[in-house]
Amino acid sequence: MEFLTALLAIVMIDLVLAGDNAIVIGLAARNLPKEKQKTVILWGTVGAVFIRVLATIAVVWLLKVPGLLLVGGVLLIWIAYKLLVEEKGHDVKAGENTWAAIRTIIIADAAMGLDNVLAVAGAAHGSILLVILGLAISVPIVVWGSTIIIKWMERYPIIITIGAGILAWTASKMIVGEPFMKPFFGNDILKYCFELLVVAAVVGAGVLKKRKSIKKEELAME
């Protein structure tokens, strides 16, 4: 059950955080002929996934270093909050030829995927199998279903809120899982209360900030 919960969390994290990366793939290939676009998308995605798997495995290993679970957890709380409040832009140069487009996809994905790598590594709890399974399930969905995913997110903002909640929950589990923090969370009730508090604080603060931003924009337009 714990394995399946972690796998579901990884897939959800990938879908919420990697939806924008699918737009990058489309933007990088947009100037190429239709028949070359499929090749670019396929090899660009293969390259991006390969680098992401290596980066995630490296982070899984790094999180075993004392203190880094706590640092990673705090950083992930900030990423979860930013997911709720930030409007992302996509300033990606289109590739002039097949290899230039593939290179653009790999570099852009690596730059944009740092939050994803940290989140997946945290949710995997040290399991490389979970990392690979999660990416194997979610990457094809992201690449071939990106348009649908993005439309769903625009139509149902609750998906992003749920994603941010899962990120915050992953972050709280990383913090309580830090070996030198265990004396503070020896009591299970205290541990679960802390996890719930982190999720509620992140989602609450993010939703509040987003509402204030929308209200400000509405007042500016009047």
C-alpha atoms as a PDB file:
ATOM      1  CA  MET A   1       0.000   0.000   0.000  1.00  0.00           C
ATOM      2  CA  GLU A   2       2.863   2.385   0.896  1.00  0.00           C
ATOM      3  CA  PHE A   3       4.571   1.554  -2.430  1.00  0.00           C
ATOM      4  CA  LEU A   4       1.380   2.271  -4.416  1.00  0.00           C
ATOM      5  CA  THR A   5       0.730   5.529  -2.516  1.00  0.00           C
ATOM      6  CA  ALA A   6       4.282   6.715  -3.260  1.00  0.00           C
ATOM      7  CA  LEU A   7       3.925   5.695  -6.942  1.00  0.00           C
ATOM      8  CA  LEU A   8       0.618   7.578  -7.229  1.00  0.00           C
ATOM      9  CA  ALA A   9       2.239  10.653  -5.619  1.00  0.00           C
ATOM     10  CA  ILE A  10       5.147  10.514  -8.117  1.00  0.00           C
ATOM     11  CA  VAL A  11       2.800  10.225 -11.118  1.00  0.00           C
ATOM     12  CA  MET A  12       0.675  13.134  -9.853  1.00  0.00           C
ATOM     13  CA  ILE A  13       3.796  15.266  -9.202  1.00  0.00           C
ATOM     14  CA  ASP A  14       5.065  14.494 -12.710  1.00  0.00           C
ATOM     15  CA  LEU A  15       1.746  15.400 -14.333  1.00  0.00           C
ATOM     16  CA  VAL A  16       1.338  18.683 -12.438  1.00  0.00           C
ATOM     17  CA  LEU A  17       4.966  19.842 -12.691  1.00  0.00           C
ATOM     18  CA  ALA A  18       5.805  18.464 -16.132  1.00  0.00           C
ATOM     19  CA  GLY A  19       2.736  19.725 -18.014  1.00  0.00           C
ATOM     20  CA  ASP A  20       4.629  22.899 -18.888  1.00  0.00           C
ATOM     21  CA  ASN A  21       7.598  20.888 -20.157  1.00  0.00           C
ATOM     22  CA  ALA A  22       5.310  19.393 -22.798  1.00  0.00           C
ATOM     23  CA  ILE A  23       4.644  22.927 -24.076  1.00  0.00           C
ATOM     24  CA  VAL A  24       8.424  23.417 -24.338  1.00  0.00           C
ATOM     25  CA  ILE A  25       8.622  20.345 -26.596  1.00  0.00           C
ATOM     26  CA  GLY A  26       5.935  21.779 -28.889  1.00  0.00           C
ATOM     27  CA  LEU A  27       7.551  25.231 -28.988  1.00  0.00           C
ATOM     28  CA  ALA A  28      11.012  23.849 -29.806  1.00  0.00           C
ATOM     29  CA  ALA A  29       9.651  21.807 -32.747  1.00  0.00           C
ATOM     30  CA  ARG A  30       7.182  24.367 -34.109  1.00  0.00           C
ATOM     31  CA  ASN A  31       9.312  25.640 -37.043  1.00  0.00           C
ATOM     32  CA  LEU A  32      10.084  22.204 -38.440  1.00  0.00           C
ATOM     33  CA  PRO A  33       8.113  20.371 -41.156  1.00  0.00           C
ATOM     34  CA  LYS A  34       5.301  18.151 -39.815  1.00  0.00           C
ATOM     35  CA  GLU A  35       7.101  14.914 -40.773  1.00  0.00           C
ATOM     36  CA  LYS A  36      10.187  15.930 -38.747  1.00  0.00           C
ATOM     37  CA  GLN A  37       8.257  17.109 -35.681  1.00  0.00           C
ATOM     38  CA  LYS A  38       7.433  13.547 -34.543  1.00  0.00           C
ATOM     39  CA  THR A  39      11.128  12.557 -34.750  1.00  0.00           C
ATOM     40  CA  VAL A  40      12.163  15.645 -32.771  1.00  0.00           C
ATOM     41  CA  ILE A  41       9.494  15.080 -30.097  1.00  0.00           C
ATOM     42  CA  LEU A  42      10.464  11.390 -29.762  1.00  0.00           C
ATOM     43  CA  TRP A  43      14.263  11.874 -29.485  1.00  0.00           C
ATOM     44  CA  GLY A  44      13.989  15.110 -27.530  1.00  0.00           C
ATOM     45  CA  THR A  45      11.784  13.330 -25.000  1.00  0.00           C
ATOM     46  CA  VAL A  46      14.103  10.277 -24.845  1.00  0.00           C
ATOM     47  CA  GLY A  47      17.091  12.573 -24.150  1.00  0.00           C
ATOM     48  CA  ALA A  48      15.173  14.627 -21.586  1.00  0.00           C
ATOM     49  CA  VAL A  49      13.900  11.522 -19.753  1.00  0.00           C
ATOM     50  CA  PHE A  50      17.405   9.964 -19.702  1.00  0.00           C
ATOM     51  CA  ILE A  51      18.888  13.111 -18.107  1.00  0.00           C
ATOM     52  CA  ARG A  52      15.950  13.369 -15.692  1.00  0.00           C
ATOM     53  CA  VAL A  53      16.323   9.742 -14.551  1.00  0.00           C
ATOM     54  CA  LEU A  54      20.064  10.258 -13.930  1.00  0.00           C
ATOM     55  CA  ALA A  55      19.430  13.553 -12.091  1.00  0.00           C
ATOM     56  CA  THR A  56      16.673  12.007  -9.942  1.00  0.00           C
ATOM     57  CA  ILE A  57      18.827   8.980  -9.027  1.00  0.00           C
ATOM     58  CA  ALA A  58      21.634  11.392  -8.080  1.00  0.00           C
ATOM     59  CA  VAL A  59      19.237  13.403  -5.870  1.00  0.00           C
ATOM     60  CA  VAL A  60      17.851  10.186  -4.274  1.00  0.00           C
ATOM     61  CA  TRP A  61      21.451   9.334  -3.323  1.00  0.00           C
ATOM     62  CA  LEU A  62      22.213  12.889  -2.145  1.00  0.00           C
ATOM     63  CA  LEU A  63      19.138  12.939   0.110  1.00  0.00           C
ATOM     64  CA  LYS A  64      20.826  10.216   2.193  1.00  0.00           C
ATOM     65  CA  VAL A  65      23.454  12.783   3.272  1.00  0.00           C
ATOM     66  CA  PRO A  66      22.589  14.020   6.822  1.00  0.00           C
ATOM     67  CA  GLY A  67      20.649  17.288   6.788  1.00  0.00           C
ATOM     68  CA  LEU A  68      19.759  17.282   3.085  1.00  0.00           C
ATOM     69  CA  LEU A  69      16.305  15.728   3.621  1.00  0.00           C
ATOM     70  CA  LEU A  70      15.442  18.737   5.803  1.00  0.00           C
ATOM     71  CA  VAL A  71      16.868  21.223   3.259  1.00  0.00           C
ATOM     72  CA  GLY A  72      15.080  19.416   0.400  1.00  0.00           C
ATOM     73  CA  GLY A  73      11.807  19.403   2.340  1.00  0.00           C
ATOM     74  CA  VAL A  74      11.953  23.147   3.049  1.00  0.00           C
ATOM     75  CA  LEU A  75      12.813  23.830  -0.617  1.00  0.00           C
ATOM     76  CA  LEU A  76       9.905  21.640  -1.737  1.00  0.00           C
ATOM     77  CA  ILE A  77       7.495  23.608   0.483  1.00  0.00           C
ATOM     78  CA  TRP A  78       8.562  26.742  -1.422  1.00  0.00           C
ATOM     79  CA  ILE A  79       8.108  24.945  -4.787  1.00  0.00           C
ATOM     80  CA  ALA A  80       4.581  23.834  -3.743  1.00  0.00           C
ATOM     81  CA  TYR A  81       3.693  27.422  -2.798  1.00  0.00           C
ATOM     82  CA  LYS A  82       5.097  28.803  -6.078  1.00  0.00           C
ATOM     83  CA  LEU A  83       3.075  26.244  -8.052  1.00  0.00           C
ATOM     84  CA  LEU A  84      -0.103  27.823  -6.665  1.00  0.00           C
ATOM     85  CA  VAL A  85       0.814  31.504  -7.078  1.00  0.00           C
ATOM     86  CA  GLU A  86       3.099  31.797 -10.115  1.00  0.00           C
ATOM     87  CA  GLU A  87       2.072  32.379 -13.712  1.00  0.00           C
ATOM     88  CA  LYS A  88       4.604  30.540 -15.864  1.00  0.00           C
ATOM     89  CA  GLY A  89       5.859  31.916 -19.168  1.00  0.00           C
ATOM     90  CA  HIS A  90       7.346  29.924 -22.014  1.00  0.00           C
ATOM     91  CA  ASP A  91      10.096  31.837 -23.810  1.00  0.00           C
ATOM     92  CA  VAL A  92      11.617  29.017 -25.833  1.00  0.00           C
ATOM     93  CA  LYS A  93      13.465  29.495 -29.118  1.00  0.00           C
ATOM     94  CA  ALA A  94      12.276  27.218 -31.904  1.00  0.00           C
ATOM     95  CA  GLY A  95      14.944  24.952 -33.384  1.00  0.00           C
ATOM     96  CA  GLU A  96      15.998  25.692 -36.969  1.00  0.00           C
ATOM     97  CA  ASN A  97      16.811  22.034 -37.705  1.00  0.00           C
ATOM     98  CA  THR A  98      16.146  18.600 -36.193  1.00  0.00           C
ATOM     99  CA  TRP A  99      19.258  18.447 -33.965  1.00  0.00           C
ATOM    100  CA  ALA A 100      18.904  22.070 -32.816  1.00  0.00           C
ATOM    101  CA  ALA A 101      15.276  21.381 -31.777  1.00  0.00           C
ATOM    102  CA  ILE A 102      16.256  18.151 -29.953  1.00  0.00           C
ATOM    103  CA  ARG A 103      19.059  20.014 -28.136  1.00  0.00           C
ATOM    104  CA  THR A 104      16.634  22.818 -27.168  1.00  0.00           C
ATOM    105  CA  ILE A 105      14.139  20.312 -25.735  1.00  0.00           C
ATOM    106  CA  ILE A 106      16.794  18.521 -23.643  1.00  0.00           C
ATOM    107  CA  ILE A 107      18.368  21.757 -22.282  1.00  0.00           C
ATOM    108  CA  ALA A 108      14.998  23.440 -21.584  1.00  0.00           C
ATOM    109  CA  ASP A 109      13.617  20.306 -19.888  1.00  0.00           C
ATOM    110  CA  ALA A 110      16.737  19.973 -17.722  1.00  0.00           C
ATOM    111  CA  ALA A 111      16.479  23.646 -16.661  1.00  0.00           C
ATOM    112  CA  MET A 112      12.720  23.483 -15.976  1.00  0.00           C
ATOM    113  CA  GLY A 113      12.775  20.024 -14.408  1.00  0.00           C
ATOM    114  CA  LEU A 114      14.812  20.750 -11.253  1.00  0.00           C
ATOM    115  CA  ASP A 115      11.679  21.123  -9.101  1.00  0.00           C
ATOM    116  CA  ASN A 116      10.306  17.908 -10.589  1.00  0.00           C
ATOM    117  CA  VAL A 117      13.530  15.991  -9.880  1.00  0.00           C
ATOM    118  CA  LEU A 118      13.580  17.069  -6.222  1.00  0.00           C
ATOM    119  CA  ALA A 119       9.878  16.308  -5.720  1.00  0.00           C
ATOM    120  CA  VAL A 120      10.079  12.840  -7.313  1.00  0.00           C
ATOM    121  CA  ALA A 121      13.259  11.978  -5.370  1.00  0.00           C
ATOM    122  CA  GLY A 122      11.532  13.017  -2.118  1.00  0.00           C
ATOM    123  CA  ALA A 123       8.377  11.015  -2.871  1.00  0.00           C
ATOM    124  CA  ALA A 124      10.400   7.910  -3.843  1.00  0.00           C
ATOM    125  CA  HIS A 125      11.823   7.498  -0.296  1.00  0.00           C
ATOM    126  CA  GLY A 126      15.123   6.155  -1.669  1.00  0.00           C
ATOM    127  CA  SER A 127      13.563   3.664  -4.133  1.00  0.00           C
ATOM    128  CA  ILE A 128      15.097   3.813  -7.650  1.00  0.00           C
ATOM    129  CA  LEU A 129      12.370   1.397  -8.845  1.00  0.00           C
ATOM    130  CA  LEU A 130       9.696   3.942  -7.848  1.00  0.00           C
ATOM    131  CA  VAL A 131      11.534   6.718  -9.731  1.00  0.00           C
ATOM    132  CA  ILE A 132      11.766   4.674 -12.944  1.00  0.00           C
ATOM    133  CA  LEU A 133       8.181   3.324 -12.699  1.00  0.00           C
ATOM    134  CA  GLY A 134       6.771   6.793 -11.994  1.00  0.00           C
ATOM    135  CA  LEU A 135       8.577   8.326 -14.990  1.00  0.00           C
ATOM    136  CA  ALA A 136       7.657   5.373 -17.242  1.00  0.00           C
ATOM    137  CA  ILE A 137       3.956   5.893 -16.447  1.00  0.00           C
ATOM    138  CA  SER A 138       3.813   9.703 -16.479  1.00  0.00           C
ATOM    139  CA  VAL A 139       6.205  10.761 -19.274  1.00  0.00           C
ATOM    140  CA  PRO A 140       4.186   9.190 -22.151  1.00  0.00           C
ATOM    141  CA  ILE A 141       1.026  10.794 -20.696  1.00  0.00           C
ATOM    142  CA  VAL A 142       2.758  14.191 -20.485  1.00  0.00           C
ATOM    143  CA  VAL A 143       4.213  14.030 -24.009  1.00  0.00           C
ATOM    144  CA  TRP A 144       1.197  12.711 -25.882  1.00  0.00           C
ATOM    145  CA  GLY A 145      -1.526  14.097 -23.656  1.00  0.00           C
ATOM    146  CA  SER A 146      -0.021  17.480 -22.794  1.00  0.00           C
ATOM    147  CA  THR A 147      -2.757  19.521 -24.477  1.00  0.00           C
ATOM    148  CA  ILE A 148      -5.486  17.657 -22.584  1.00  0.00           C
ATOM    149  CA  ILE A 149      -3.605  17.942 -19.247  1.00  0.00           C
ATOM    150  CA  ILE A 150      -3.093  21.706 -19.661  1.00  0.00           C
ATOM    151  CA  LYS A 151      -6.758  22.223 -20.651  1.00  0.00           C
ATOM    152  CA  TRP A 152      -7.862  20.246 -17.585  1.00  0.00           C
ATOM    153  CA  MET A 153      -5.633  22.378 -15.348  1.00  0.00           C
ATOM    154  CA  GLU A 154      -7.084  25.579 -16.815  1.00  0.00           C
ATOM    155  CA  ARG A 155     -10.661  24.330 -16.522  1.00  0.00           C
ATOM    156  CA  TYR A 156     -10.239  22.679 -13.115  1.00  0.00           C
ATOM    157  CA  PRO A 157      -7.693  24.678 -11.023  1.00  0.00           C
ATOM    158  CA  ILE A 158      -8.368  22.213  -8.198  1.00  0.00           C
ATOM    159  CA  ILE A 159      -5.922  19.820  -9.976  1.00  0.00           C
ATOM    160  CA  ILE A 160      -3.067  22.282  -9.349  1.00  0.00           C
ATOM    161  CA  THR A 161      -4.208  22.737  -5.737  1.00  0.00           C
ATOM    162  CA  ILE A 162      -4.203  18.936  -5.235  1.00  0.00           C
ATOM    163  CA  GLY A 163      -0.747  18.764  -6.850  1.00  0.00           C
ATOM    164  CA  ALA A 164       0.575  21.487  -4.536  1.00  0.00           C
ATOM    165  CA  GLY A 165      -0.939  19.617  -1.575  1.00  0.00           C
ATOM    166  CA  ILE A 166       0.863  16.394  -2.613  1.00  0.00           C
ATOM    167  CA  LEU A 167       4.134  18.359  -2.940  1.00  0.00           C
ATOM    168  CA  ALA A 168       3.645  19.877   0.518  1.00  0.00           C
ATOM    169  CA  TRP A 169       2.841  16.422   1.947  1.00  0.00           C
ATOM    170  CA  THR A 170       6.005  14.994   0.304  1.00  0.00           C
ATOM    171  CA  ALA A 171       8.009  17.904   1.776  1.00  0.00           C
ATOM    172  CA  SER A 172       6.612  17.295   5.282  1.00  0.00           C
ATOM    173  CA  LYS A 173       7.467  13.559   5.041  1.00  0.00           C
ATOM    174  CA  MET A 174      11.029  14.475   4.019  1.00  0.00           C
ATOM    175  CA  ILE A 175      11.351  16.769   7.061  1.00  0.00           C
ATOM    176  CA  VAL A 176       9.984  14.221   9.553  1.00  0.00           C
ATOM    177  CA  GLY A 177      12.112  11.514   7.884  1.00  0.00           C
ATOM    178  CA  GLU A 178      15.338  13.448   8.522  1.00  0.00           C
ATOM    179  CA  PRO A 179      17.285  11.278  11.034  1.00  0.00           C
ATOM    180  CA  PHE A 180      18.248  14.116  13.419  1.00  0.00           C
ATOM    181  CA  MET A 181      14.615  15.380  13.421  1.00  0.00           C
ATOM    182  CA  LYS A 182      13.241  12.022  14.616  1.00  0.00           C
ATOM    183  CA  PRO A 183      13.463  12.892  18.353  1.00  0.00           C
ATOM    184  CA  PHE A 184      11.015  15.771  17.683  1.00  0.00           C
ATOM    185  CA  PHE A 185       8.570  13.483  15.866  1.00  0.00           C
ATOM    186  CA  GLY A 186       8.764  10.352  18.010  1.00  0.00           C
ATOM    187  CA  ASN A 187       5.016  10.568  18.638  1.00  0.00           C
ATOM    188  CA  ASP A 188       2.945   9.430  15.616  1.00  0.00           C
ATOM    189  CA  ILE A 189       0.100  11.866  16.365  1.00  0.00           C
ATOM    190  CA  LEU A 190       2.553  14.773  16.474  1.00  0.00           C
ATOM    191  CA  LYS A 191       4.099  13.598  13.178  1.00  0.00           C
ATOM    192  CA  TYR A 192       0.737  13.364  11.370  1.00  0.00           C
ATOM    193  CA  CYS A 193      -0.398  16.716  12.805  1.00  0.00           C
ATOM    194  CA  PHE A 194       2.797  18.347  11.496  1.00  0.00           C
ATOM    195  CA  GLU A 195       2.256  16.825   8.020  1.00  0.00           C
ATOM    196  CA  LEU A 196      -1.358  18.068   7.942  1.00  0.00           C
ATOM    197  CA  LEU A 197      -0.294  21.508   9.188  1.00  0.00           C
ATOM    198  CA  VAL A 198       2.318  21.868   6.401  1.00  0.00           C
ATOM    199  CA  VAL A 199      -0.214  20.868   3.711  1.00  0.00           C
ATOM    200  CA  ALA A 200      -2.901  23.210   5.115  1.00  0.00           C
ATOM    201  CA  ALA A 201      -0.444  26.122   5.481  1.00  0.00           C
ATOM    202  CA  VAL A 202       0.945  25.810   1.934  1.00  0.00           C
ATOM    203  CA  VAL A 203      -2.430  25.346   0.230  1.00  0.00           C
ATOM    204  CA  GLY A 204      -4.072  28.048   2.385  1.00  0.00           C
ATOM    205  CA  ALA A 205      -1.308  30.615   1.823  1.00  0.00           C
ATOM    206  CA  GLY A 206      -1.146  29.840  -1.904  1.00  0.00           C
ATOM    207  CA  VAL A 207      -4.897  30.087  -2.485  1.00  0.00           C
ATOM    208  CA  LEU A 208      -5.083  33.327  -0.454  1.00  0.00           C
ATOM    209  CA  LYS A 209      -2.196  34.892  -2.413  1.00  0.00           C
ATOM    210  CA  LYS A 210      -3.742  33.833  -5.741  1.00  0.00           C
ATOM    211  CA  ARG A 211      -7.118  35.356  -4.794  1.00  0.00           C
ATOM    212  CA  LYS A 212      -5.427  38.633  -3.808  1.00  0.00           C
ATOM    213  CA  SER A 213      -3.568  38.720  -7.158  1.00  0.00           C
ATOM    214  CA  ILE A 214      -6.810  38.125  -9.105  1.00  0.00           C
ATOM    215  CA  LYS A 215      -8.585  40.854  -7.097  1.00  0.00           C
ATOM    216  CA  LYS A 216      -5.692  43.276  -7.778  1.00  0.00           C
ATOM    217  CA  GLU A 217      -5.860  42.555 -11.516  1.00  0.00           C
ATOM    218  CA  GLU A 218      -9.636  43.073 -11.533  1.00  0.00           C
ATOM    219  CA  LEU A 219      -9.283  46.446  -9.735  1.00  0.00           C
ATOM    220  CA  ALA A 220      -6.533  47.527 -12.166  1.00  0.00           C
ATOM    221  CA  MET A 221      -8.791  46.731 -15.137  1.00  0.00           C
ATOM    222  CA  GLU A 222     -11.709  48.823 -13.783  1.00  0.00           C
END
